[in-house]
Amino acid sequence: MKLLAVNLGKPERIPSKTGMTGIFKRPQTGPMRIGKLGLEGDAVLDRKHHGGVDQAIYVYFQSDYDFWDAQMGIRIQPGTFGENLTIDGVDGMAVCVGDRFAIGEAVLEVTSHRTPCSVFAARMGDPRWVKTFHRAGRPGAYCRVIAEGAVEAGMDVGYQKFAGEPVTISELMALDGVREIPRATLERALRAPVHYKMRDDYEARLASLF
């Protein structure tokens, strides 16, 4: 596995909307440091929905970009989907909560999927993009930072699968908007190191079933 790109965003205006965004991320050269709250120097402007310890780094996978390349008939460049890191050599559809990526001294742990929003749709120039992206089930992975360190495009990536029962990020994405999630699914997700906001939601849902 290889780190294809390290992508950094600066504040830019949201197309066809008011406000600023950090979604326009571009590949960087040279080493970039990952701290507990993410890639140093990266713009995180909507902190209600982005950033924080359990969404410190957003990873997208070249296997999923290959899918979109075929669907859209264009070559999509790293950073287009707003990810911090673009990784090659792993099947994004098989990535699970609790899986870990080691890049140099940095270690990242998958916490959840990415939920598409209107800013993402505006960035892609497609008002139907939220539904299109969700339907594909290729969300990329939010990660918490287990160990800080400097990363650079071209570095090897170590991959350690979660030792417990697998919960894929694609499966979690499919649960977005589902009003009644089965108890067994909630319990299985809660046995994995899911994002703290998801944990609070699923624990509340589980408690309501008793």
C-alpha atoms as a PDB file:
ATOM      1  CA  MET A   1       0.000   0.000   0.000  1.00  0.00           C
ATOM      2  CA  LYS A   2       1.149   3.513  -0.835  1.00  0.00           C
ATOM      3  CA  LEU A   3       0.272   7.023   0.221  1.00  0.00           C
ATOM      4  CA  LEU A   4      -0.483   8.584  -3.152  1.00  0.00           C
ATOM      5  CA  ALA A   5      -1.110  12.132  -1.954  1.00  0.00           C
ATOM      6  CA  VAL A   6      -1.267  14.376   1.105  1.00  0.00           C
ATOM      7  CA  ASN A   7      -3.892  17.036   0.447  1.00  0.00           C
ATOM      8  CA  LEU A   8      -4.243  20.401   2.174  1.00  0.00           C
ATOM      9  CA  GLY A   9      -7.104  22.895   1.941  1.00  0.00           C
ATOM     10  CA  LYS A  10      -7.174  26.650   2.405  1.00  0.00           C
ATOM     11  CA  PRO A  11     -10.332  28.742   2.926  1.00  0.00           C
ATOM     12  CA  GLU A  12     -12.136  29.297  -0.378  1.00  0.00           C
ATOM     13  CA  ARG A  13     -15.606  30.502  -1.265  1.00  0.00           C
ATOM     14  CA  ILE A  14     -18.265  27.836  -1.751  1.00  0.00           C
ATOM     15  CA  PRO A  15     -19.488  27.779  -5.359  1.00  0.00           C
ATOM     16  CA  SER A  16     -23.092  29.013  -5.750  1.00  0.00           C
ATOM     17  CA  LYS A  17     -23.410  29.426  -1.966  1.00  0.00           C
ATOM     18  CA  THR A  18     -22.455  31.891   0.729  1.00  0.00           C
ATOM     19  CA  GLY A  19     -19.646  31.168   3.136  1.00  0.00           C
ATOM     20  CA  MET A  20     -16.205  29.626   2.963  1.00  0.00           C
ATOM     21  CA  THR A  21     -15.010  26.034   2.825  1.00  0.00           C
ATOM     22  CA  GLY A  22     -11.844  24.000   3.178  1.00  0.00           C
ATOM     23  CA  ILE A  23     -13.038  21.210   0.859  1.00  0.00           C
ATOM     24  CA  PHE A  24     -10.789  22.310  -2.008  1.00  0.00           C
ATOM     25  CA  LYS A  25      -7.731  20.259  -1.088  1.00  0.00           C
ATOM     26  CA  ARG A  26      -4.617  20.040  -3.231  1.00  0.00           C
ATOM     27  CA  PRO A  27      -1.671  17.624  -3.137  1.00  0.00           C
ATOM     28  CA  GLN A  28       1.382  18.872  -1.244  1.00  0.00           C
ATOM     29  CA  THR A  29       5.062  18.163  -1.694  1.00  0.00           C
ATOM     30  CA  GLY A  30       7.393  17.377   1.176  1.00  0.00           C
ATOM     31  CA  PRO A  31       6.569  16.119   4.660  1.00  0.00           C
ATOM     32  CA  MET A  32       3.346  17.266   6.353  1.00  0.00           C
ATOM     33  CA  ARG A  33       2.674  16.715  10.044  1.00  0.00           C
ATOM     34  CA  ILE A  34      -0.379  14.931  11.383  1.00  0.00           C
ATOM     35  CA  GLY A  35      -1.348  16.062  14.873  1.00  0.00           C
ATOM     36  CA  LYS A  36      -4.140  14.866  17.150  1.00  0.00           C
ATOM     37  CA  LEU A  37      -6.649  17.169  15.432  1.00  0.00           C
ATOM     38  CA  GLY A  38      -5.545  16.508  11.884  1.00  0.00           C
ATOM     39  CA  LEU A  39      -3.199  17.661   9.184  1.00  0.00           C
ATOM     40  CA  GLU A  40      -1.430  20.783  10.366  1.00  0.00           C
ATOM     41  CA  GLY A  41      -2.346  23.847   8.296  1.00  0.00           C
ATOM     42  CA  ASP A  42      -5.513  22.298   6.866  1.00  0.00           C
ATOM     43  CA  ALA A  43      -8.613  24.512   6.866  1.00  0.00           C
ATOM     44  CA  VAL A  44     -11.556  23.167   8.891  1.00  0.00           C
ATOM     45  CA  LEU A  45     -14.224  25.879   8.843  1.00  0.00           C
ATOM     46  CA  ASP A  46     -17.462  24.070   9.741  1.00  0.00           C
ATOM     47  CA  ARG A  47     -16.439  22.563  13.050  1.00  0.00           C
ATOM     48  CA  LYS A  48     -19.973  21.472  13.883  1.00  0.00           C
ATOM     49  CA  HIS A  49     -19.818  18.835  11.152  1.00  0.00           C
ATOM     50  CA  HIS A  50     -16.100  18.473  10.416  1.00  0.00           C
ATOM     51  CA  GLY A  51     -12.906  17.982  12.359  1.00  0.00           C
ATOM     52  CA  GLY A  52     -12.468  16.974  15.981  1.00  0.00           C
ATOM     53  CA  VAL A  53     -10.610  14.060  17.488  1.00  0.00           C
ATOM     54  CA  ASP A  54     -12.704  11.361  15.798  1.00  0.00           C
ATOM     55  CA  GLN A  55     -12.764  13.096  12.399  1.00  0.00           C
ATOM     56  CA  ALA A  56      -9.192  14.312  12.486  1.00  0.00           C
ATOM     57  CA  ILE A  57      -8.180  12.823   9.125  1.00  0.00           C
ATOM     58  CA  TYR A  58     -10.315  11.951   6.107  1.00  0.00           C
ATOM     59  CA  VAL A  59      -8.955   9.182   3.897  1.00  0.00           C
ATOM     60  CA  TYR A  60     -10.131   8.292   0.403  1.00  0.00           C
ATOM     61  CA  PHE A  61      -9.032   5.233  -1.504  1.00  0.00           C
ATOM     62  CA  GLN A  62      -7.748   4.972  -5.064  1.00  0.00           C
ATOM     63  CA  SER A  63      -9.898   1.864  -5.570  1.00  0.00           C
ATOM     64  CA  ASP A  64     -12.966   4.070  -5.052  1.00  0.00           C
ATOM     65  CA  TYR A  65     -11.596   6.822  -7.273  1.00  0.00           C
ATOM     66  CA  ASP A  66     -11.144   4.140  -9.971  1.00  0.00           C
ATOM     67  CA  PHE A  67     -14.868   3.416  -9.656  1.00  0.00           C
ATOM     68  CA  TRP A  68     -15.742   7.098 -10.060  1.00  0.00           C
ATOM     69  CA  ASP A  69     -13.319   7.472 -12.962  1.00  0.00           C
ATOM     70  CA  ALA A  70     -15.260   4.761 -14.792  1.00  0.00           C
ATOM     71  CA  GLN A  71     -18.642   6.188 -13.814  1.00  0.00           C
ATOM     72  CA  MET A  72     -17.840   9.769 -14.774  1.00  0.00           C
ATOM     73  CA  GLY A  73     -15.540   9.142 -17.705  1.00  0.00           C
ATOM     74  CA  ILE A  74     -12.794  11.395 -16.359  1.00  0.00           C
ATOM     75  CA  ARG A  75      -9.618  11.015 -14.339  1.00  0.00           C
ATOM     76  CA  ILE A  76     -10.297  12.381 -10.866  1.00  0.00           C
ATOM     77  CA  GLN A  77      -7.273  13.875  -9.156  1.00  0.00           C
ATOM     78  CA  PRO A  78      -6.330  13.211  -5.505  1.00  0.00           C
ATOM     79  CA  GLY A  79      -7.932  15.677  -3.116  1.00  0.00           C
ATOM     80  CA  THR A  80     -11.014  16.242  -5.291  1.00  0.00           C
ATOM     81  CA  PHE A  81     -13.313  14.685  -2.686  1.00  0.00           C
ATOM     82  CA  GLY A  82     -11.772  16.766   0.091  1.00  0.00           C
ATOM     83  CA  GLU A  83      -9.700  13.992   1.600  1.00  0.00           C
ATOM     84  CA  ASN A  84      -6.487  14.631   3.526  1.00  0.00           C
ATOM     85  CA  LEU A  85      -4.844  11.384   2.443  1.00  0.00           C
ATOM     86  CA  THR A  86      -5.268   9.382  -0.763  1.00  0.00           C
ATOM     87  CA  ILE A  87      -4.225   5.745  -0.311  1.00  0.00           C
ATOM     88  CA  ASP A  88      -3.673   3.073  -2.963  1.00  0.00           C
ATOM     89  CA  GLY A  89      -3.579  -0.689  -2.492  1.00  0.00           C
ATOM     90  CA  VAL A  90      -6.651  -1.363  -0.336  1.00  0.00           C
ATOM     91  CA  ASP A  91     -10.258  -2.080  -1.274  1.00  0.00           C
ATOM     92  CA  GLY A  92     -12.196   0.856   0.150  1.00  0.00           C
ATOM     93  CA  MET A  93     -15.421  -1.156   0.214  1.00  0.00           C
ATOM     94  CA  ALA A  94     -13.822  -3.595   2.687  1.00  0.00           C
ATOM     95  CA  VAL A  95     -12.442  -1.017   5.152  1.00  0.00           C
ATOM     96  CA  CYS A  96     -13.948  -1.369   8.629  1.00  0.00           C
ATOM     97  CA  VAL A  97     -14.262   0.679  11.784  1.00  0.00           C
ATOM     98  CA  GLY A  98     -11.208  -0.040  13.923  1.00  0.00           C
ATOM     99  CA  ASP A  99      -8.895  -0.753  10.998  1.00  0.00           C
ATOM    100  CA  ARG A 100      -5.556   1.045  11.351  1.00  0.00           C
ATOM    101  CA  PHE A 101      -3.209   2.686   8.870  1.00  0.00           C
ATOM    102  CA  ALA A 102       0.443   3.211   9.801  1.00  0.00           C
ATOM    103  CA  ILE A 103       2.414   5.762   7.773  1.00  0.00           C
ATOM    104  CA  GLY A 104       5.872   6.363   9.185  1.00  0.00           C
ATOM    105  CA  GLU A 105       5.322   7.183  12.861  1.00  0.00           C
ATOM    106  CA  ALA A 106       1.696   8.234  12.309  1.00  0.00           C
ATOM    107  CA  VAL A 107      -1.047   5.733  13.137  1.00  0.00           C
ATOM    108  CA  LEU A 108      -4.692   6.329  12.198  1.00  0.00           C
ATOM    109  CA  GLU A 109      -7.764   4.384  13.308  1.00  0.00           C
ATOM    110  CA  VAL A 110     -10.988   4.323  11.273  1.00  0.00           C
ATOM    111  CA  THR A 111     -13.992   5.671  13.191  1.00  0.00           C
ATOM    112  CA  SER A 112     -16.777   6.235  10.661  1.00  0.00           C
ATOM    113  CA  HIS A 113     -17.863   6.957   7.116  1.00  0.00           C
ATOM    114  CA  ARG A 114     -18.216  10.311   5.386  1.00  0.00           C
ATOM    115  CA  THR A 115     -21.781  11.580   4.921  1.00  0.00           C
ATOM    116  CA  PRO A 116     -22.083  13.762   1.795  1.00  0.00           C
ATOM    117  CA  CYS A 117     -23.438  17.292   2.174  1.00  0.00           C
ATOM    118  CA  SER A 118     -24.550  20.246   0.056  1.00  0.00           C
ATOM    119  CA  VAL A 119     -21.050  21.780   0.143  1.00  0.00           C
ATOM    120  CA  PHE A 120     -19.663  18.563  -1.374  1.00  0.00           C
ATOM    121  CA  ALA A 121     -22.367  18.746  -4.063  1.00  0.00           C
ATOM    122  CA  ALA A 122     -21.474  22.377  -4.774  1.00  0.00           C
ATOM    123  CA  ARG A 123     -17.808  21.486  -5.003  1.00  0.00           C
ATOM    124  CA  MET A 124     -18.664  18.777  -7.568  1.00  0.00           C
ATOM    125  CA  GLY A 125     -21.019  21.091  -9.458  1.00  0.00           C
ATOM    126  CA  ASP A 126     -23.847  18.566  -9.290  1.00  0.00           C
ATOM    127  CA  PRO A 127     -27.037  19.169  -7.249  1.00  0.00           C
ATOM    128  CA  ARG A 128     -27.732  15.413  -7.366  1.00  0.00           C
ATOM    129  CA  TRP A 129     -24.300  14.511  -6.038  1.00  0.00           C
ATOM    130  CA  VAL A 130     -25.392  13.769  -2.444  1.00  0.00           C
ATOM    131  CA  LYS A 131     -27.747  11.020  -3.630  1.00  0.00           C
ATOM    132  CA  THR A 132     -25.273   9.777  -6.247  1.00  0.00           C
ATOM    133  CA  PHE A 133     -22.430   9.525  -3.733  1.00  0.00           C
ATOM    134  CA  HIS A 134     -24.592   7.879  -1.090  1.00  0.00           C
ATOM    135  CA  ARG A 135     -25.996   5.340  -3.521  1.00  0.00           C
ATOM    136  CA  ALA A 136     -22.488   4.234  -4.546  1.00  0.00           C
ATOM    137  CA  GLY A 137     -21.593   3.243  -0.976  1.00  0.00           C
ATOM    138  CA  ARG A 138     -17.982   4.379  -1.283  1.00  0.00           C
ATOM    139  CA  PRO A 139     -17.730   6.974   1.500  1.00  0.00           C
ATOM    140  CA  GLY A 140     -14.054   7.022   2.409  1.00  0.00           C
ATOM    141  CA  ALA A 141     -13.032   6.839   6.057  1.00  0.00           C
ATOM    142  CA  TYR A 142     -12.774   9.317   8.898  1.00  0.00           C
ATOM    143  CA  CYS A 143      -9.968   8.482  11.321  1.00  0.00           C
ATOM    144  CA  ARG A 144      -8.747   9.397  14.779  1.00  0.00           C
ATOM    145  CA  VAL A 145      -5.026   9.873  15.329  1.00  0.00           C
ATOM    146  CA  ILE A 146      -3.511   7.181  17.535  1.00  0.00           C
ATOM    147  CA  ALA A 147       0.053   8.402  17.010  1.00  0.00           C
ATOM    148  CA  GLU A 148       1.229  11.685  15.506  1.00  0.00           C
ATOM    149  CA  GLY A 149       3.890  11.948  12.837  1.00  0.00           C
ATOM    150  CA  ALA A 150       5.026  13.403   9.536  1.00  0.00           C
ATOM    151  CA  VAL A 151       3.749  11.906   6.288  1.00  0.00           C
ATOM    152  CA  GLU A 152       4.691  12.429   2.656  1.00  0.00           C
ATOM    153  CA  ALA A 153       3.394  11.216  -0.689  1.00  0.00           C
ATOM    154  CA  GLY A 154       5.097   8.010  -1.763  1.00  0.00           C
ATOM    155  CA  MET A 155       5.441   6.532   1.721  1.00  0.00           C
ATOM    156  CA  ASP A 156       4.499   2.933   2.412  1.00  0.00           C
ATOM    157  CA  VAL A 157       1.263   2.370   4.327  1.00  0.00           C
ATOM    158  CA  GLY A 158       0.837  -0.432   6.841  1.00  0.00           C
ATOM    159  CA  TYR A 159      -2.673  -1.834   7.250  1.00  0.00           C
ATOM    160  CA  GLN A 160      -3.977  -3.650  10.326  1.00  0.00           C
ATOM    161  CA  LYS A 161      -7.521  -5.015  10.265  1.00  0.00           C
ATOM    162  CA  PHE A 162      -9.746  -4.631  13.337  1.00  0.00           C
ATOM    163  CA  ALA A 163      -9.578  -7.769  15.457  1.00  0.00           C
ATOM    164  CA  GLY A 164     -13.267  -7.740  16.346  1.00  0.00           C
ATOM    165  CA  GLU A 165     -16.415  -8.372  14.339  1.00  0.00           C
ATOM    166  CA  PRO A 166     -16.223  -6.261  11.170  1.00  0.00           C
ATOM    167  CA  VAL A 167     -18.436  -3.254  10.519  1.00  0.00           C
ATOM    168  CA  THR A 168     -17.607  -1.726   7.156  1.00  0.00           C
ATOM    169  CA  ILE A 169     -17.811   1.984   6.525  1.00  0.00           C
ATOM    170  CA  SER A 170     -20.007   1.172   3.514  1.00  0.00           C
ATOM    171  CA  GLU A 171     -22.435  -0.622   5.819  1.00  0.00           C
ATOM    172  CA  LEU A 172     -22.556   2.343   8.192  1.00  0.00           C
ATOM    173  CA  MET A 173     -23.195   4.716   5.305  1.00  0.00           C
ATOM    174  CA  ALA A 174     -26.189   2.631   4.242  1.00  0.00           C
ATOM    175  CA  LEU A 175     -27.694   3.234   7.707  1.00  0.00           C
ATOM    176  CA  ASP A 176     -27.812   7.014   7.217  1.00  0.00           C
ATOM    177  CA  GLY A 177     -31.444   8.084   7.449  1.00  0.00           C
ATOM    178  CA  VAL A 178     -32.674   4.665   8.605  1.00  0.00           C
ATOM    179  CA  ARG A 179     -35.172   5.237  11.422  1.00  0.00           C
ATOM    180  CA  GLU A 180     -35.198   1.726  12.883  1.00  0.00           C
ATOM    181  CA  ILE A 181     -31.811   0.022  12.941  1.00  0.00           C
ATOM    182  CA  PRO A 182     -31.924  -3.623  14.119  1.00  0.00           C
ATOM    183  CA  ARG A 183     -30.680  -4.230  17.639  1.00  0.00           C
ATOM    184  CA  ALA A 184     -28.043  -6.708  16.483  1.00  0.00           C
ATOM    185  CA  THR A 185     -26.611  -4.114  14.090  1.00  0.00           C
ATOM    186  CA  LEU A 186     -26.477  -1.465  16.820  1.00  0.00           C
ATOM    187  CA  GLU A 187     -24.784  -3.850  19.238  1.00  0.00           C
ATOM    188  CA  ARG A 188     -22.233  -4.954  16.652  1.00  0.00           C
ATOM    189  CA  ALA A 189     -21.383  -1.355  15.747  1.00  0.00           C
ATOM    190  CA  LEU A 190     -20.974  -0.442  19.412  1.00  0.00           C
ATOM    191  CA  ARG A 191     -18.440  -3.233  19.888  1.00  0.00           C
ATOM    192  CA  ALA A 192     -16.216  -1.391  17.396  1.00  0.00           C
ATOM    193  CA  PRO A 193     -14.407   1.918  18.139  1.00  0.00           C
ATOM    194  CA  VAL A 194     -16.956   4.073  16.301  1.00  0.00           C
ATOM    195  CA  HIS A 195     -16.990   7.883  16.243  1.00  0.00           C
ATOM    196  CA  TYR A 196     -18.139   9.256  19.612  1.00  0.00           C
ATOM    197  CA  LYS A 197     -21.169  11.013  18.086  1.00  0.00           C
ATOM    198  CA  MET A 198     -22.269   7.790  16.414  1.00  0.00           C
ATOM    199  CA  ARG A 199     -21.700   5.946  19.680  1.00  0.00           C
ATOM    200  CA  ASP A 200     -23.969   8.389  21.544  1.00  0.00           C
ATOM    201  CA  ASP A 201     -26.674   8.034  18.876  1.00  0.00           C
ATOM    202  CA  TYR A 202     -26.518   4.249  18.736  1.00  0.00           C
ATOM    203  CA  GLU A 203     -26.462   3.886  22.509  1.00  0.00           C
ATOM    204  CA  ALA A 204     -29.574   6.067  22.763  1.00  0.00           C
ATOM    205  CA  ARG A 205     -31.301   4.042  20.055  1.00  0.00           C
ATOM    206  CA  LEU A 206     -30.386   0.796  21.800  1.00  0.00           C
ATOM    207  CA  ALA A 207     -31.663   2.044  25.151  1.00  0.00           C
ATOM    208  CA  SER A 208     -35.018   2.918  23.575  1.00  0.00           C
ATOM    209  CA  LEU A 209     -35.476  -0.703  22.501  1.00  0.00           C
ATOM    210  CA  PHE A 210     -35.552  -2.028  26.094  1.00  0.00           C
END
